[in-house]
N, C-alpha and C. Protein backbone atom coordinates (compact mmCIF):
# COMPACT_ATOMS: atom_id res chain seq x y z
N MET A 1 -9.99 6.29 53.19
CA MET A 1 -9.69 6.51 51.63
C MET A 1 -9.30 6.42 50.85
N ILE A 2 -7.78 6.23 51.94
CA ILE A 2 -5.88 5.58 51.24
C ILE A 2 -6.84 4.13 50.95
N GLU A 3 -8.00 3.28 51.75
CA GLU A 3 -7.31 2.20 51.99
C GLU A 3 -9.12 2.21 50.49
N TRP A 4 -9.59 2.61 50.71
CA TRP A 4 -10.82 2.41 49.35
C TRP A 4 -9.66 2.00 47.91
N MET A 5 -9.08 3.63 47.72
CA MET A 5 -8.63 3.59 46.53
C MET A 5 -6.86 2.25 46.43
N THR A 6 -6.83 1.86 47.84
CA THR A 6 -5.36 0.42 47.56
C THR A 6 -6.26 -0.73 47.20
N GLU A 7 -7.95 -0.65 47.08
CA GLU A 7 -8.31 -1.48 47.55
C GLU A 7 -9.77 -1.58 45.68
N ASN A 8 -9.35 -0.60 45.26
CA ASN A 8 -10.70 -0.45 44.26
C ASN A 8 -9.53 0.11 43.21
N ALA A 9 -7.91 0.23 42.88
CA ALA A 9 -6.79 0.25 42.14
C ALA A 9 -7.73 0.89 40.48
N TRP A 10 -8.60 -0.91 40.12
CA TRP A 10 -8.71 -0.95 39.44
C TRP A 10 -9.56 0.20 38.34
N VAL A 11 -9.89 0.72 39.29
CA VAL A 11 -11.18 2.37 38.96
C VAL A 11 -10.42 3.57 38.76
N THR A 12 -9.24 3.50 39.27
CA THR A 12 -8.55 4.74 39.03
C THR A 12 -7.68 4.09 37.62
N TRP A 13 -7.13 2.96 37.05
CA TRP A 13 -7.02 2.88 35.92
C TRP A 13 -8.27 3.35 34.60
N VAL A 14 -8.73 2.50 35.02
CA VAL A 14 -10.17 2.72 33.82
C VAL A 14 -10.40 4.80 34.12
N GLY A 15 -10.60 4.95 35.16
CA GLY A 15 -10.43 6.35 34.94
C GLY A 15 -9.29 7.07 33.92
N VAL A 16 -8.26 6.46 33.80
CA VAL A 16 -6.91 6.97 33.33
C VAL A 16 -7.22 6.92 31.91
N ALA A 17 -8.05 5.51 31.68
CA ALA A 17 -7.77 5.03 30.42
C ALA A 17 -9.02 5.79 30.05
N VAL A 18 -10.08 6.28 30.16
CA VAL A 18 -11.03 7.06 29.86
C VAL A 18 -10.32 8.19 29.42
N LEU A 19 -10.13 8.82 30.81
CA LEU A 19 -8.90 10.27 30.29
C LEU A 19 -7.98 10.34 28.64
N LEU A 20 -7.66 9.41 28.74
CA LEU A 20 -6.56 9.13 27.83
C LEU A 20 -7.42 9.30 26.60
N ALA A 21 -8.22 8.30 26.64
CA ALA A 21 -9.07 8.47 25.08
C ALA A 21 -10.32 9.35 24.37
N VAL A 22 -10.26 10.05 26.00
CA VAL A 22 -10.62 11.29 25.43
C VAL A 22 -9.79 12.34 24.31
N ALA A 23 -8.66 12.40 25.40
CA ALA A 23 -7.38 13.62 24.73
C ALA A 23 -7.14 12.46 23.17
N GLU A 24 -7.14 11.56 23.56
CA GLU A 24 -7.07 11.07 21.70
C GLU A 24 -8.39 11.72 20.83
N LEU A 25 -9.06 11.90 21.45
CA LEU A 25 -10.18 12.38 20.74
C LEU A 25 -10.28 13.76 20.24
N LEU A 26 -8.77 14.38 21.18
CA LEU A 26 -8.77 15.92 20.80
C LEU A 26 -6.79 15.72 19.45
N SER A 27 -6.89 14.73 20.18
CA SER A 27 -5.30 14.73 19.63
C SER A 27 -5.62 13.61 17.81
N LEU A 28 -5.95 12.87 17.82
CA LEU A 28 -6.59 12.11 16.65
C LEU A 28 -4.90 11.42 16.28
N ASP A 29 -4.09 11.24 16.75
CA ASP A 29 -2.48 10.47 16.61
C ASP A 29 -2.60 8.85 16.45
N LEU A 30 -3.18 8.59 17.24
CA LEU A 30 -3.75 6.96 18.23
C LEU A 30 -2.60 7.06 19.03
N VAL A 31 -1.71 8.02 19.31
CA VAL A 31 -0.59 7.36 20.27
C VAL A 31 -1.39 7.42 21.20
N LEU A 32 -2.02 8.16 22.36
CA LEU A 32 -2.91 7.70 23.57
C LEU A 32 -4.31 6.97 23.31
N LEU A 33 -4.98 6.41 22.70
CA LEU A 33 -5.02 5.63 22.06
C LEU A 33 -4.40 3.89 22.78
N MET A 34 -3.68 3.97 22.98
CA MET A 34 -2.32 3.13 22.58
C MET A 34 -2.25 2.62 24.02
N PHE A 35 -2.44 3.59 25.12
CA PHE A 35 -1.82 3.86 26.61
C PHE A 35 -3.01 3.09 27.04
N ALA A 36 -4.14 4.14 26.12
CA ALA A 36 -5.68 4.15 27.15
C ALA A 36 -5.92 2.33 26.96
N ILE A 37 -5.88 1.68 25.80
CA ILE A 37 -5.68 0.36 25.79
C ILE A 37 -5.00 0.00 27.19
N GLY A 38 -3.43 0.25 27.45
CA GLY A 38 -2.65 0.39 28.14
C GLY A 38 -3.70 0.30 30.16
N ALA A 39 -4.20 1.19 29.89
CA ALA A 39 -4.13 2.00 31.24
C ALA A 39 -5.40 0.61 30.96
N LEU A 40 -6.08 -0.02 30.25
CA LEU A 40 -7.33 -1.18 30.91
C LEU A 40 -6.66 -2.28 30.53
N ALA A 41 -5.22 -2.82 30.19
CA ALA A 41 -4.58 -3.44 31.03
C ALA A 41 -3.98 -3.61 32.64
N GLY A 42 -3.31 -2.11 32.93
CA GLY A 42 -3.49 -2.19 34.24
C GLY A 42 -4.51 -2.62 34.90
N ALA A 43 -6.20 -1.70 34.85
CA ALA A 43 -7.25 -2.38 35.76
C ALA A 43 -7.87 -3.71 35.77
N VAL A 44 -7.26 -4.81 34.47
CA VAL A 44 -7.38 -5.79 35.44
C VAL A 44 -6.52 -6.16 35.62
N ALA A 45 -5.03 -6.00 36.10
CA ALA A 45 -4.03 -6.57 36.29
C ALA A 45 -4.74 -6.02 38.17
N SER A 46 -5.16 -5.53 37.86
CA SER A 46 -5.07 -4.17 39.73
C SER A 46 -6.86 -5.63 40.15
N ALA A 47 -7.55 -5.39 39.16
CA ALA A 47 -8.99 -6.04 39.57
C ALA A 47 -8.86 -7.64 39.59
N LEU A 48 -7.38 -8.13 39.25
CA LEU A 48 -6.94 -9.72 39.77
C LEU A 48 -6.35 -9.16 40.80
N GLY A 49 -6.24 -8.58 41.65
CA GLY A 49 -5.42 -8.61 42.93
C GLY A 49 -3.77 -8.30 42.58
N ALA A 50 -3.19 -7.61 41.75
CA ALA A 50 -2.01 -8.10 41.53
C ALA A 50 -1.46 -6.58 42.49
N PRO A 51 -0.52 -6.73 42.59
CA PRO A 51 0.47 -4.87 43.40
C PRO A 51 0.38 -4.15 42.28
N PHE A 52 0.73 -2.89 42.68
CA PHE A 52 0.66 -2.03 42.21
C PHE A 52 1.93 -1.93 41.00
N TRP A 53 3.32 -2.35 40.97
CA TRP A 53 4.29 -2.33 40.61
C TRP A 53 3.82 -3.10 39.21
N VAL A 54 3.31 -4.62 39.39
CA VAL A 54 2.31 -5.32 38.24
C VAL A 54 1.38 -4.61 37.22
N ALA A 55 0.56 -3.67 37.94
CA ALA A 55 -0.07 -3.24 36.77
C ALA A 55 0.35 -2.31 36.47
N MET A 56 1.37 -1.28 36.76
CA MET A 56 1.54 -0.60 35.94
C MET A 56 2.39 -1.12 34.61
N LEU A 57 3.78 -2.13 35.06
CA LEU A 57 3.97 -3.30 33.87
C LEU A 57 3.08 -3.38 32.94
N ALA A 58 2.24 -4.27 33.59
CA ALA A 58 1.35 -4.38 32.32
C ALA A 58 0.87 -2.83 31.43
N PHE A 59 0.58 -1.85 31.74
CA PHE A 59 0.46 -0.81 31.51
C PHE A 59 1.41 0.15 30.62
N GLY A 60 2.66 0.12 31.60
CA GLY A 60 3.74 0.07 29.95
C GLY A 60 3.70 -0.86 29.22
N VAL A 61 4.01 -2.40 29.46
CA VAL A 61 4.28 -3.01 28.32
C VAL A 61 2.98 -3.03 26.94
N VAL A 62 2.15 -3.22 27.63
CA VAL A 62 0.82 -3.19 27.12
C VAL A 62 0.82 -2.00 25.63
N GLY A 63 0.61 -0.44 26.82
CA GLY A 63 1.09 0.56 25.65
C GLY A 63 2.28 0.37 24.68
N VAL A 64 2.83 0.63 25.45
CA VAL A 64 4.32 0.68 24.10
C VAL A 64 4.21 -0.57 23.80
N GLY A 65 3.87 -1.74 23.64
CA GLY A 65 3.81 -2.60 22.55
C GLY A 65 3.31 -2.35 21.64
N LEU A 66 1.85 -1.70 21.81
CA LEU A 66 0.61 -1.75 20.91
C LEU A 66 1.12 -0.24 20.17
N LEU A 67 2.10 0.73 21.10
CA LEU A 67 2.21 1.92 20.00
C LEU A 67 3.72 1.40 18.79
N PHE A 68 4.25 0.60 18.91
CA PHE A 68 5.05 0.00 17.87
C PHE A 68 4.85 -0.79 17.11
N PHE A 69 3.33 -1.27 17.74
CA PHE A 69 3.42 -2.55 16.70
C PHE A 69 1.40 -2.76 15.98
N ALA A 70 1.06 -1.99 16.86
CA ALA A 70 -0.31 -1.99 16.63
C ALA A 70 -0.55 -0.54 15.77
N ARG A 71 0.02 0.69 16.22
CA ARG A 71 -0.44 1.86 15.76
C ARG A 71 0.87 2.00 14.20
N PRO A 72 1.04 1.51 14.14
CA PRO A 72 1.81 1.66 12.26
C PRO A 72 1.06 1.08 11.37
N PRO A 73 0.42 -0.05 11.83
CA PRO A 73 -0.77 -0.53 10.41
C PRO A 73 -1.31 0.09 10.66
N MET A 74 -2.49 0.38 12.00
CA MET A 74 -3.21 1.51 11.92
C MET A 74 -3.81 2.48 11.03
N VAL A 75 -2.12 3.07 11.52
CA VAL A 75 -2.45 4.58 10.91
C VAL A 75 -2.10 4.11 9.07
N ALA A 76 -1.47 3.41 9.07
CA ALA A 76 -1.48 3.60 7.85
C ALA A 76 -2.55 3.14 6.02
N ARG A 77 -3.68 2.17 7.21
CA ARG A 77 -4.86 2.27 7.39
C ARG A 77 -5.74 3.43 7.69
N LEU A 78 -5.79 4.51 7.81
CA LEU A 78 -6.10 5.20 7.95
C LEU A 78 -5.66 6.34 7.07
N HIS A 79 -4.86 6.37 6.70
CA HIS A 79 -4.09 7.32 5.73
C HIS A 79 -3.93 6.63 4.12
N ALA A 80 -4.38 5.50 3.55
CA ALA A 80 -4.92 5.13 2.34
C ALA A 80 -6.04 5.30 2.32
N GLY A 81 -6.09 5.53 1.25
CA GLY A 81 -7.34 5.88 0.60
C GLY A 81 -7.72 4.96 -1.55
N PRO A 82 -8.75 5.38 -1.34
CA PRO A 82 -8.34 5.05 -3.24
C PRO A 82 -6.99 5.79 -3.66
N THR A 83 -7.02 5.16 -4.90
CA THR A 83 -5.69 6.30 -5.94
C THR A 83 -7.00 6.68 -7.07
N LEU A 84 -7.21 7.97 -6.51
CA LEU A 84 -7.81 8.45 -7.83
C LEU A 84 -7.22 9.60 -8.83
N THR A 85 -7.32 9.13 -9.99
CA THR A 85 -6.65 9.45 -11.10
C THR A 85 -7.60 10.90 -12.33
N THR A 86 -6.23 11.80 -11.73
CA THR A 86 -7.22 13.23 -12.12
C THR A 86 -6.06 13.42 -13.45
N GLY A 87 -6.70 14.26 -13.70
CA GLY A 87 -6.11 15.02 -14.82
C GLY A 87 -5.83 13.87 -16.33
N HIS A 88 -4.83 14.55 -17.49
CA HIS A 88 -4.37 13.39 -17.93
C HIS A 88 -4.20 11.86 -17.63
N ASP A 89 -4.04 12.05 -16.33
CA ASP A 89 -3.94 10.44 -16.34
C ASP A 89 -5.28 9.87 -16.62
N ALA A 90 -6.36 10.63 -16.05
CA ALA A 90 -7.95 10.11 -15.99
C ALA A 90 -8.59 9.39 -17.24
N LEU A 91 -7.62 10.42 -18.63
CA LEU A 91 -8.39 9.19 -19.47
C LEU A 91 -7.53 9.15 -20.39
N VAL A 92 -6.88 8.40 -19.59
CA VAL A 92 -6.05 7.08 -19.98
C VAL A 92 -6.62 5.45 -20.62
N GLY A 93 -6.38 5.19 -21.51
CA GLY A 93 -8.07 3.86 -21.23
C GLY A 93 -9.06 4.37 -21.93
N ARG A 94 -9.59 5.21 -21.73
CA ARG A 94 -10.54 6.08 -22.28
C ARG A 94 -10.50 5.94 -23.80
N THR A 95 -12.29 5.54 -24.15
CA THR A 95 -12.71 5.69 -25.30
C THR A 95 -13.00 6.89 -26.06
N GLY A 96 -12.44 7.05 -27.18
CA GLY A 96 -12.68 8.65 -27.96
C GLY A 96 -13.13 8.19 -29.79
N VAL A 97 -13.69 8.93 -30.14
CA VAL A 97 -14.58 9.00 -31.71
C VAL A 97 -13.37 9.84 -32.09
N VAL A 98 -13.41 9.94 -33.69
CA VAL A 98 -12.34 10.04 -34.25
C VAL A 98 -12.88 11.19 -35.09
N LEU A 99 -12.71 12.78 -35.23
CA LEU A 99 -12.99 13.28 -36.13
C LEU A 99 -12.48 13.46 -37.34
N GLU A 100 -11.63 13.66 -36.98
CA GLU A 100 -10.30 13.66 -38.83
C GLU A 100 -9.45 12.92 -38.59
N PRO A 101 -9.29 12.80 -39.97
CA PRO A 101 -8.34 11.63 -39.67
C PRO A 101 -6.79 11.13 -39.54
N VAL A 102 -6.88 10.51 -38.35
CA VAL A 102 -5.55 10.45 -37.50
C VAL A 102 -4.84 9.49 -38.16
N GLY A 103 -3.55 9.75 -37.79
CA GLY A 103 -2.19 8.70 -38.48
C GLY A 103 -0.92 9.39 -36.89
N PRO A 104 -0.01 8.85 -37.75
CA PRO A 104 1.50 8.82 -36.98
C PRO A 104 2.11 10.76 -36.44
N PHE A 105 1.13 11.58 -37.06
CA PHE A 105 1.67 13.06 -37.35
C PHE A 105 0.87 13.98 -37.00
N GLY A 106 -0.58 13.40 -36.89
CA GLY A 106 -1.66 13.92 -35.98
C GLY A 106 -2.75 13.82 -36.66
N GLY A 107 -3.83 14.57 -35.68
CA GLY A 107 -5.65 14.17 -36.31
C GLY A 107 -6.62 14.19 -35.02
N ARG A 108 -7.65 14.51 -35.42
CA ARG A 108 -8.71 14.76 -34.37
C ARG A 108 -9.02 14.20 -33.52
N ILE A 109 -9.85 14.03 -32.28
CA ILE A 109 -10.54 12.92 -32.02
C ILE A 109 -11.17 13.49 -30.51
N THR A 110 -12.32 13.09 -30.31
CA THR A 110 -13.23 13.40 -29.13
C THR A 110 -12.62 12.83 -27.78
N LEU A 111 -13.33 13.29 -27.12
CA LEU A 111 -12.62 12.49 -25.93
C LEU A 111 -12.98 12.49 -24.71
N ALA A 112 -14.19 12.90 -24.19
CA ALA A 112 -14.46 12.82 -22.96
C ALA A 112 -14.98 14.13 -23.05
N SER A 113 -15.50 14.33 -23.69
CA SER A 113 -17.19 15.75 -24.00
C SER A 113 -15.42 16.77 -24.67
N GLU A 114 -14.70 16.59 -25.51
CA GLU A 114 -13.84 17.74 -25.30
C GLU A 114 -13.05 17.33 -27.20
N VAL A 115 -12.19 18.35 -27.51
CA VAL A 115 -12.18 18.30 -29.03
C VAL A 115 -10.36 18.02 -28.46
N TRP A 116 -9.35 17.04 -28.61
CA TRP A 116 -8.47 16.75 -28.81
C TRP A 116 -6.95 16.18 -29.71
N SER A 117 -6.13 17.52 -29.54
CA SER A 117 -5.34 16.77 -31.20
C SER A 117 -4.88 15.25 -30.65
N ALA A 118 -4.15 14.66 -31.43
CA ALA A 118 -4.09 13.07 -31.69
C ALA A 118 -2.60 12.35 -33.20
N ARG A 119 -2.96 11.08 -32.16
CA ARG A 119 -2.00 10.60 -33.28
C ARG A 119 -1.89 9.31 -32.95
N THR A 120 -1.48 8.56 -33.91
CA THR A 120 -1.48 7.02 -33.68
C THR A 120 0.16 6.48 -32.76
N GLU A 121 -0.36 6.03 -32.06
CA GLU A 121 0.74 4.91 -31.40
C GLU A 121 1.97 4.25 -32.93
N GLY A 122 1.64 4.38 -33.57
CA GLY A 122 2.61 3.79 -34.90
C GLY A 122 2.28 4.59 -36.16
N ASP A 123 2.17 3.45 -37.49
CA ASP A 123 1.89 3.93 -38.77
C ASP A 123 0.78 3.35 -39.42
N ALA A 124 -0.16 3.19 -37.88
CA ALA A 124 -1.63 3.21 -38.73
C ALA A 124 -2.17 4.26 -38.96
N GLU A 125 -3.02 4.76 -40.03
CA GLU A 125 -4.59 5.57 -39.79
C GLU A 125 -5.62 5.18 -39.50
N VAL A 126 -6.26 5.99 -39.23
CA VAL A 126 -7.68 5.52 -38.69
C VAL A 126 -8.70 6.92 -38.93
N ALA A 127 -9.20 6.45 -39.73
CA ALA A 127 -10.66 7.00 -40.09
C ALA A 127 -11.48 7.68 -39.32
N PRO A 128 -12.43 8.48 -39.93
CA PRO A 128 -13.09 9.34 -39.04
C PRO A 128 -14.78 8.13 -38.63
N GLY A 129 -15.12 8.84 -37.57
CA GLY A 129 -16.30 8.36 -36.81
C GLY A 129 -15.13 6.69 -36.16
N ALA A 130 -14.63 6.18 -35.96
CA ALA A 130 -13.94 4.73 -35.78
C ALA A 130 -13.75 5.50 -34.35
N GLU A 131 -14.02 4.70 -33.57
CA GLU A 131 -13.64 4.88 -31.72
C GLU A 131 -12.67 4.56 -31.90
N VAL A 132 -11.39 4.66 -30.54
CA VAL A 132 -10.22 4.91 -30.22
C VAL A 132 -10.23 4.65 -29.08
N VAL A 133 -8.75 3.64 -28.41
CA VAL A 133 -8.41 4.01 -27.07
C VAL A 133 -7.35 4.95 -26.58
N VAL A 134 -7.13 5.66 -25.77
CA VAL A 134 -6.21 6.65 -25.19
C VAL A 134 -4.91 5.90 -24.79
N THR A 135 -4.01 5.92 -25.46
CA THR A 135 -2.68 4.46 -23.98
C THR A 135 -2.12 5.65 -23.61
N ARG A 136 -1.85 6.58 -23.75
CA ARG A 136 -0.88 8.12 -22.99
C ARG A 136 -1.35 9.00 -23.86
N ILE A 137 -0.54 10.38 -22.37
CA ILE A 137 -1.26 11.57 -22.60
C ILE A 137 0.39 12.30 -23.46
N ASP A 138 0.48 12.75 -24.51
CA ASP A 138 1.41 13.34 -24.58
C ASP A 138 1.48 14.92 -24.46
N GLY A 139 2.27 15.63 -23.61
CA GLY A 139 1.55 16.48 -23.75
C GLY A 139 0.21 17.20 -23.83
N ALA A 140 -0.77 17.65 -25.09
CA ALA A 140 -1.62 18.14 -24.82
C ALA A 140 -2.12 16.87 -25.85
N THR A 141 -1.41 15.76 -26.38
CA THR A 141 -1.71 15.18 -27.50
C THR A 141 -2.26 13.83 -27.36
N ALA A 142 -3.44 13.41 -27.66
CA ALA A 142 -3.60 11.90 -26.78
C ALA A 142 -2.77 11.07 -27.94
N VAL A 143 -2.04 9.83 -27.90
CA VAL A 143 -1.89 9.14 -28.24
C VAL A 143 -2.25 7.67 -27.66
N ILE A 144 -3.16 7.14 -29.77
CA ILE A 144 -4.54 6.97 -29.13
C ILE A 144 -3.47 4.98 -30.43
N THR A 145 -4.32 3.76 -30.58
CA THR A 145 -4.51 3.12 -30.60
C THR A 145 -6.82 2.66 -31.25
N PRO A 146 -6.25 2.13 -32.61
CA PRO A 146 -8.27 2.02 -32.73
C PRO A 146 -8.55 0.35 -31.83
N LYS A 147 -9.36 1.20 -31.40
CA LYS A 147 -10.66 -0.11 -30.59
C LYS A 147 -10.76 -1.14 -31.16
N GLU A 148 -10.33 -2.16 -30.09
CA GLU A 148 -10.74 -3.54 -30.49
C GLU A 148 -12.36 -4.22 -30.94
N SER A 149 -12.65 -4.53 -31.91
CA SER A 149 -13.92 -4.80 -31.70
C SER A 149 -14.77 -6.12 -30.55
C-alpha cells in the first residue's frame, strides 16, 4: 500500500485538488481554488517523478503565487458590475416637455411621466411644448436647457 502511494502520489494530489475545489464551492472566496490549482501543480510534479518535497514546493509556490497575483483581479472582476444610475441621477440627460413657461425662477415640465418643477440653467425662457434636457437635479427641481434640434 505504501509502495503504491509512493509510486502514485499524483493521485493523492489530484484528490487534494478535488477536495479543495469542492470546498471552494462552499466558500466562494477563490482562496481554496488557488490552492486547488497548486495541488494540480503538485500532481504534475509527482507524475513526472519528482520527489515529494518538489511536489510540495510546486504546490506552495503555485498556490501562494496565484493567491497574490491572480486572485485580486479575479475578485475585482467578479465584484464589478455595470454602474446602474437610480433615483435623481437616472434623470440627468433625459428629455422632458415644458408644461408651463420655464425661466431661471421656475416653471413645470413633464419628465419620466411625472410633473416636475424646473428652472433654466441661465436666463433663458422656454415656452410650453418645447423639449428640454435635464442637466442636473437640484433638490426637487430639474435644472434644464432647451433641447437642440
